[in-house]
Amino acid sequence: MLSQDDYEILNERVHEIQKGKLVTIEYYDRINYKRITGVVSKINLDTQILQIVKTKINLKQISYIQLEE
């Protein structure tokens, strides 16, 4: 469970994500937390889906985002 401050930071970072950028994401996959680093191949704020290479992640499952340079 994220605090309100953490949620706001996460929300800002989601809106900074762009296709083709390298990111590290930590997310909950119904069993445990996973961390993935890769290039964003799709992001759709309407459907709440982020795709890193071939891995599709629901934005609601994300607990951490690091935008790589």
Protein backbone atom coordinates (compact mmCIF):
# COMPACT_ATOMS: atom_id res chain seq x y z
CA MET A 1 0.00 0.00 0.00
CA LEU A 2 1.44 3.36 -1.06
CA SER A 3 1.22 6.55 0.94
CA GLN A 4 -0.46 9.55 -0.69
CA ASP A 5 2.96 11.18 -1.30
CA ASP A 6 4.35 7.99 -2.88
CA TYR A 7 1.26 7.69 -5.07
CA GLU A 8 1.66 11.27 -6.33
CA ILE A 9 5.34 10.71 -7.15
CA LEU A 10 4.49 7.48 -8.95
CA ASN A 11 1.71 9.22 -10.89
CA GLU A 12 4.12 11.98 -12.02
CA ARG A 13 6.64 9.38 -13.22
CA VAL A 14 3.96 7.45 -15.13
CA HIS A 15 3.18 10.62 -17.07
CA GLU A 16 6.90 11.09 -17.87
CA ILE A 17 7.23 7.63 -19.46
CA GLN A 18 7.58 7.67 -23.24
CA LYS A 19 7.75 4.94 -25.83
CA GLY A 20 11.37 3.98 -26.56
CA LYS A 21 12.70 5.06 -23.15
CA LEU A 22 14.56 2.76 -20.78
CA VAL A 23 12.80 2.26 -17.43
CA THR A 24 13.00 0.07 -14.35
CA ILE A 25 9.62 -0.93 -12.94
CA GLU A 26 8.71 -2.83 -9.80
CA TYR A 27 5.23 -4.34 -9.86
CA TYR A 28 3.05 -6.89 -8.11
CA ASP A 29 2.09 -9.89 -10.27
CA ARG A 30 -0.61 -11.43 -7.97
CA ILE A 31 1.98 -13.62 -6.21
CA ASN A 32 4.99 -11.44 -5.47
CA TYR A 33 6.83 -8.32 -6.52
CA LYS A 34 8.95 -8.37 -9.68
CA ARG A 35 11.42 -5.87 -11.07
CA ILE A 36 11.98 -5.41 -14.79
CA THR A 37 14.30 -3.10 -16.72
CA GLY A 38 13.74 -2.55 -20.41
CA VAL A 39 12.58 -0.32 -23.22
CA VAL A 40 8.97 0.87 -23.19
CA SER A 41 7.26 -0.49 -26.29
CA LYS A 42 3.77 0.84 -25.45
CA ILE A 43 2.04 2.98 -22.86
CA ASN A 44 -1.68 3.61 -22.86
CA LEU A 45 -3.08 5.74 -20.06
CA ASP A 46 -6.67 5.04 -21.17
CA THR A 47 -6.36 1.27 -20.78
CA GLN A 48 -3.82 1.61 -17.90
CA ILE A 49 -1.31 -0.69 -19.62
CA LEU A 50 2.46 -0.29 -19.85
CA GLN A 51 4.39 -2.69 -22.04
CA ILE A 52 8.13 -3.21 -21.59
CA VAL A 53 9.38 -5.24 -24.53
CA LYS A 54 6.80 -8.09 -24.39
CA THR A 55 5.74 -7.79 -20.74
CA LYS A 56 2.39 -6.05 -20.21
CA ILE A 57 1.88 -4.43 -16.80
CA ASN A 58 -1.25 -2.85 -15.41
CA LEU A 59 -0.38 0.62 -14.10
CA LYS A 60 -2.26 -0.14 -10.89
CA GLN A 61 0.21 -2.95 -10.11
CA ILE A 62 3.28 -0.67 -10.25
CA SER A 63 4.93 0.26 -6.96
CA TYR A 64 8.19 1.79 -8.24
CA ILE A 65 9.40 3.54 -11.40
CA GLN A 66 12.90 4.64 -12.25
CA LEU A 67 13.41 6.51 -15.50
CA GLU A 68 16.83 5.66 -16.93
CA GLU A 69 18.92 8.23 -18.75
